Amino acid sequence: MNDRHISSAFDRDLEAVQALIMKMGGLTEAAILDAAKALEERDDDLARKVRENDAQIDDLEERVNEECARVIAIRGPVASDLRTVLSVLKISANLERCGDYAKNMAKRTSVLVQMQPVGGAPRSIRRMAREVELMMKDALDAYIQRDAELAEDVRMRDADVDQMYNALFREFLTHMMEDPRNITACMHLHFIAKNIERMGDHVTSIAEQVVYLVSGKMPTDDRPKGDSTPYIVEEQ
C-alpha cells in the first residue's frame, strides 16, 4: 500500500513537471516562428515581443529545475523513474537554449530592418525555422507518447536543416561578393541562419533523450550531419 502511495505521488509530480515542459515547448515553438516571421516581414514590434517573451521561457526552466530537485529530494526516484527526471532536466535545458537563439534572431532583426533587404534570404530562413519548429513539435510529442521511432525520425531530419543552412551560407557569400554593401546585412543573416541550425541540434538532443528514456540507452550511431560550411573553399 505504501509503495503504491509513493508511486501515485511520483506520477502526480511527474505530470505537473511534464505540463511545465509542454508549456515551455509551446512558447519556444511560437518564439521560433515569430522570430522568423518578424525577419521576413521586417516587423520590429514582433521582434521586440519575441525578445520580451523569452523571460517566460527562462522562468519555466527555473520552475522545472526546482520541481525536479524537489522530486529527487522527496521521492528518491530510482531506475526508470530517475531516468525520467534526468531526461526532463535535459529537455528543459535544450528548450531554453532554443528560446535564447530565437531571442538572438529577434535582436538581429531589429538591426536588419534598418538596412536594405538582401534577396529572398528571409523567406528561406523562415522555411528553415518552420522545419525546426515541426521537428520540435514531433520531439515533444515523442516524449509524451514515449515514441522512440518518432524521436529517431526527428534525429534523421536534422540533416535536412543542415542542408538548408549550407544553401543559405552559399547564398550569403554570393551576395557579399556581388556587392560589398551587402556584407553587414549578410553577416547578420548568416548568424540568424546559424542560430536556427543550432536549434536543430538542440531539438535533436531532445529526440535523443526520448530514445534514452524509452530504451535506457543513448543512440550509439552518430547523428547525421549535413553542415559542410567548415569545409567550403573557393572553387577555381
Protein backbone atom coordinates (compact mmCIF):
# COMPACT_ATOMS: atom_id res chain seq x y z
CA MET A 1 0.00 0.00 0.00
CA ASN A 2 2.78 2.39 0.91
CA ASP A 3 4.64 1.60 -2.31
CA ARG A 4 1.51 2.31 -4.34
CA HIS A 5 1.07 5.59 -2.50
CA ILE A 6 4.63 6.67 -3.26
CA SER A 7 4.24 5.66 -6.90
CA SER A 8 1.00 7.61 -7.19
CA ALA A 9 2.59 10.70 -5.66
CA PHE A 10 5.55 10.46 -8.04
CA ASP A 11 3.20 10.14 -11.02
CA ARG A 12 1.36 13.29 -9.98
CA ASP A 13 4.65 15.17 -9.55
CA LEU A 14 5.81 13.97 -12.95
CA GLU A 15 2.57 15.04 -14.62
CA ALA A 16 2.99 18.51 -13.16
CA VAL A 17 6.55 18.77 -14.45
CA GLN A 18 5.54 17.46 -17.87
CA ALA A 19 2.85 20.13 -18.05
CA LEU A 20 5.55 22.75 -17.49
CA ILE A 21 7.69 21.16 -20.22
CA MET A 22 4.84 21.25 -22.71
CA LYS A 23 4.04 24.87 -21.88
CA MET A 24 7.71 25.71 -22.28
CA GLY A 25 7.77 23.86 -25.60
CA GLY A 26 4.73 25.75 -26.86
CA LEU A 27 6.29 29.10 -26.02
CA THR A 28 9.56 28.11 -27.65
CA GLU A 29 7.84 26.93 -30.83
CA ALA A 30 5.97 30.26 -31.00
CA ALA A 31 9.21 32.18 -30.44
CA ILE A 32 10.90 30.39 -33.36
CA LEU A 33 8.02 31.05 -35.75
CA ASP A 34 7.52 34.66 -34.62
CA ALA A 35 11.23 35.45 -34.88
CA ALA A 36 11.30 34.14 -38.45
CA LYS A 37 8.08 35.97 -39.33
CA ALA A 38 9.44 39.22 -37.89
CA LEU A 39 12.53 38.86 -40.06
CA GLU A 40 10.67 38.17 -43.30
CA GLU A 41 8.05 40.85 -42.73
CA ARG A 42 10.55 43.33 -41.22
CA ASP A 43 8.30 43.66 -38.18
CA ASP A 44 10.29 45.29 -35.39
CA ASP A 45 7.32 45.21 -32.99
CA LEU A 46 7.04 41.43 -33.33
CA ALA A 47 10.80 41.08 -32.90
CA ARG A 48 10.57 43.06 -29.67
CA LYS A 49 7.76 40.79 -28.48
CA VAL A 50 9.95 37.72 -29.06
CA ARG A 51 12.74 39.28 -27.00
CA GLU A 52 10.40 40.17 -24.16
CA ASN A 53 8.67 36.77 -24.10
CA ASP A 54 11.97 34.93 -23.66
CA ALA A 55 11.75 35.71 -19.94
CA GLN A 56 8.73 33.40 -19.71
CA ILE A 57 10.75 30.51 -21.14
CA ASP A 58 13.59 31.20 -18.71
CA ASP A 59 11.16 31.28 -15.78
CA LEU A 60 9.66 27.96 -16.79
CA GLU A 61 13.10 26.36 -16.97
CA GLU A 62 13.76 27.53 -13.41
CA ARG A 63 10.44 26.06 -12.27
CA VAL A 64 11.25 22.74 -13.96
CA ASN A 65 14.65 22.65 -12.26
CA GLU A 66 13.11 23.41 -8.88
CA GLU A 67 10.39 20.79 -9.27
CA CYS A 68 12.83 18.12 -10.42
CA ALA A 69 15.12 18.87 -7.48
CA ARG A 70 12.15 18.59 -5.13
CA VAL A 71 11.04 15.29 -6.66
CA ILE A 72 14.54 13.82 -6.32
CA ALA A 73 14.84 15.00 -2.72
CA ILE A 74 11.39 13.90 -1.56
CA ARG A 75 10.58 10.84 -3.72
CA GLY A 76 14.09 9.43 -4.12
CA PRO A 77 13.35 8.02 -7.60
CA VAL A 78 15.48 5.14 -8.86
CA ALA A 79 15.94 3.25 -12.14
CA SER A 80 13.48 4.34 -14.85
CA ASP A 81 11.86 6.97 -12.62
CA LEU A 82 15.20 8.70 -12.09
CA ARG A 83 15.91 8.41 -15.80
CA THR A 84 12.66 10.23 -16.48
CA VAL A 85 13.51 13.10 -14.13
CA LEU A 86 17.01 13.48 -15.60
CA SER A 87 15.61 13.48 -19.13
CA VAL A 88 13.15 16.22 -18.18
CA LEU A 89 16.02 18.38 -16.93
CA LYS A 90 17.94 17.98 -20.17
CA ILE A 91 14.89 18.59 -22.36
CA SER A 92 14.16 21.76 -20.42
CA ALA A 93 17.74 22.98 -20.90
CA ASN A 94 17.55 22.36 -24.64
CA LEU A 95 14.27 24.25 -24.93
CA GLU A 96 15.74 27.18 -23.01
CA ARG A 97 18.69 27.36 -25.41
CA CYS A 98 16.33 27.35 -28.39
CA GLY A 99 14.48 30.26 -26.78
CA ASP A 100 17.78 32.11 -26.46
CA TYR A 101 18.52 31.56 -30.15
CA ALA A 102 15.07 32.90 -31.09
CA LYS A 103 15.73 35.94 -28.94
CA ASN A 104 19.06 36.47 -30.69
CA MET A 105 17.30 36.23 -34.06
CA ALA A 106 14.90 38.95 -32.94
CA LYS A 107 17.76 41.18 -31.81
CA ARG A 108 19.43 40.95 -35.20
CA THR A 109 16.11 41.52 -36.97
CA SER A 110 15.79 44.87 -35.20
CA VAL A 111 19.11 45.82 -36.79
CA LEU A 112 18.27 44.41 -40.21
CA VAL A 113 15.01 46.35 -40.55
CA GLN A 114 17.18 49.48 -40.74
CA MET A 115 19.07 48.07 -43.77
CA GLN A 116 18.24 47.31 -47.37
CA PRO A 117 16.71 43.82 -47.88
CA VAL A 118 19.02 41.16 -49.28
CA GLY A 119 17.43 38.89 -51.89
CA GLY A 120 15.00 36.21 -50.76
CA ALA A 121 17.08 35.04 -47.81
CA PRO A 122 14.49 35.95 -45.13
CA ARG A 123 11.90 33.76 -46.87
CA SER A 124 14.34 30.84 -46.96
CA ILE A 125 15.22 31.41 -43.32
CA ARG A 126 11.55 31.29 -42.41
CA ARG A 127 11.17 27.92 -44.16
CA MET A 128 14.18 26.62 -42.26
CA ALA A 129 12.73 27.87 -38.97
CA ARG A 130 9.42 26.19 -39.77
CA GLU A 131 11.19 22.87 -40.28
CA VAL A 132 12.92 23.17 -36.91
CA GLU A 133 9.63 24.08 -35.23
CA LEU A 134 7.98 20.98 -36.72
CA MET A 135 10.89 18.86 -35.50
CA MET A 136 10.44 20.31 -32.02
CA LYS A 137 6.72 19.59 -32.05
CA ASP A 138 7.38 15.98 -33.06
CA ALA A 139 10.17 15.59 -30.49
CA LEU A 140 7.87 16.74 -27.70
CA ASP A 141 5.06 14.51 -28.97
CA ALA A 142 7.54 11.63 -28.97
CA TYR A 143 8.40 12.44 -25.37
CA ILE A 144 4.78 12.46 -24.19
CA GLN A 145 3.95 9.30 -26.14
CA ARG A 146 7.28 7.60 -25.33
CA ASP A 147 7.65 7.03 -29.08
CA ALA A 148 11.28 6.15 -29.84
CA GLU A 149 10.51 5.66 -33.55
CA LEU A 150 9.19 9.20 -33.92
CA ALA A 151 12.18 10.50 -31.95
CA GLU A 152 14.54 8.68 -34.32
CA ASP A 153 12.74 10.26 -37.28
CA VAL A 154 13.41 13.69 -35.75
CA ARG A 155 17.11 12.82 -35.42
CA MET A 156 17.32 11.97 -39.12
CA ARG A 157 15.59 15.21 -40.19
CA ASP A 158 18.33 17.34 -38.67
CA ALA A 159 20.40 16.66 -41.81
CA ASP A 160 17.72 18.48 -43.85
CA VAL A 161 18.11 21.56 -41.67
CA ASP A 162 21.87 21.42 -42.15
CA GLN A 163 21.42 21.30 -45.90
CA MET A 164 19.16 24.36 -45.78
CA TYR A 165 21.84 26.15 -43.78
CA ASN A 166 24.54 25.18 -46.31
CA ALA A 167 22.45 26.61 -49.16
CA LEU A 168 21.89 29.86 -47.28
CA PHE A 169 25.59 30.14 -46.42
CA ARG A 170 26.49 29.95 -50.12
CA GLU A 171 23.77 32.45 -50.97
CA PHE A 172 25.18 34.94 -48.47
CA LEU A 173 28.67 34.52 -49.91
CA THR A 174 27.32 35.26 -53.38
CA HIS A 175 25.53 38.42 -52.24
CA MET A 176 28.63 39.69 -50.43
CA MET A 177 30.90 39.07 -53.42
CA GLU A 178 28.47 40.74 -55.81
CA ASP A 179 28.10 43.88 -53.69
CA PRO A 180 30.29 44.68 -50.64
CA ARG A 181 27.47 46.87 -49.33
CA ASN A 182 25.63 43.64 -48.53
CA ILE A 183 28.34 42.37 -46.19
CA THR A 184 26.94 43.70 -42.90
CA ALA A 185 23.38 42.57 -43.59
CA CYS A 186 24.57 39.16 -44.82
CA MET A 187 26.65 38.65 -41.72
CA HIS A 188 23.58 39.25 -39.55
CA LEU A 189 21.52 36.92 -41.75
CA HIS A 190 24.25 34.28 -41.55
CA PHE A 191 24.24 34.37 -37.77
CA ILE A 192 20.44 34.08 -37.77
CA ALA A 193 20.64 31.03 -40.04
CA LYS A 194 23.32 29.57 -37.77
CA ASN A 195 21.05 30.16 -34.76
CA ILE A 196 18.36 28.07 -36.46
CA GLU A 197 20.86 25.35 -37.37
CA ARG A 198 21.91 25.18 -33.72
CA MET A 199 18.25 24.96 -32.70
CA GLY A 200 18.03 21.89 -34.89
CA ASP A 201 20.92 20.38 -32.94
CA HIS A 202 19.16 21.06 -29.63
CA VAL A 203 15.91 19.56 -30.90
CA THR A 204 17.89 16.51 -31.98
CA SER A 205 19.25 16.31 -28.44
CA ILE A 206 15.66 16.29 -27.14
CA ALA A 207 14.88 13.41 -29.51
CA GLU A 208 17.92 11.53 -28.22
CA GLN A 209 16.68 11.98 -24.67
CA VAL A 210 13.41 10.35 -25.71
CA VAL A 211 15.30 7.37 -27.11
CA TYR A 212 17.25 7.19 -23.84
CA LEU A 213 14.05 7.44 -21.82
CA VAL A 214 12.40 4.60 -23.71
CA SER A 215 15.37 2.26 -24.14
CA GLY A 216 17.68 3.19 -21.29
CA LYS A 217 20.48 3.84 -23.80
CA MET A 218 21.56 6.87 -25.77
CA PRO A 219 21.75 6.36 -29.56
CA THR A 220 25.16 4.93 -30.35
CA ASP A 221 25.29 5.92 -34.02
CA ASP A 222 26.46 9.39 -34.93
CA ARG A 223 23.62 11.72 -35.77
CA PRO A 224 23.57 12.64 -39.48
CA LYS A 225 25.25 16.00 -40.05
CA GLY A 226 24.95 17.95 -43.25
CA ASP A 227 26.71 21.17 -42.27
CA SER A 228 29.60 21.35 -44.70
CA THR A 229 30.38 25.04 -44.26
CA PRO A 230 33.63 24.45 -42.31
CA TYR A 231 34.94 22.72 -45.43
CA ILE A 232 33.78 25.18 -48.07
CA VAL A 233 36.63 26.64 -50.09
CA GLU A 234 36.61 28.95 -53.04
CA GLU A 235 36.13 27.00 -56.26
CA GLN A 236 38.63 27.70 -59.01
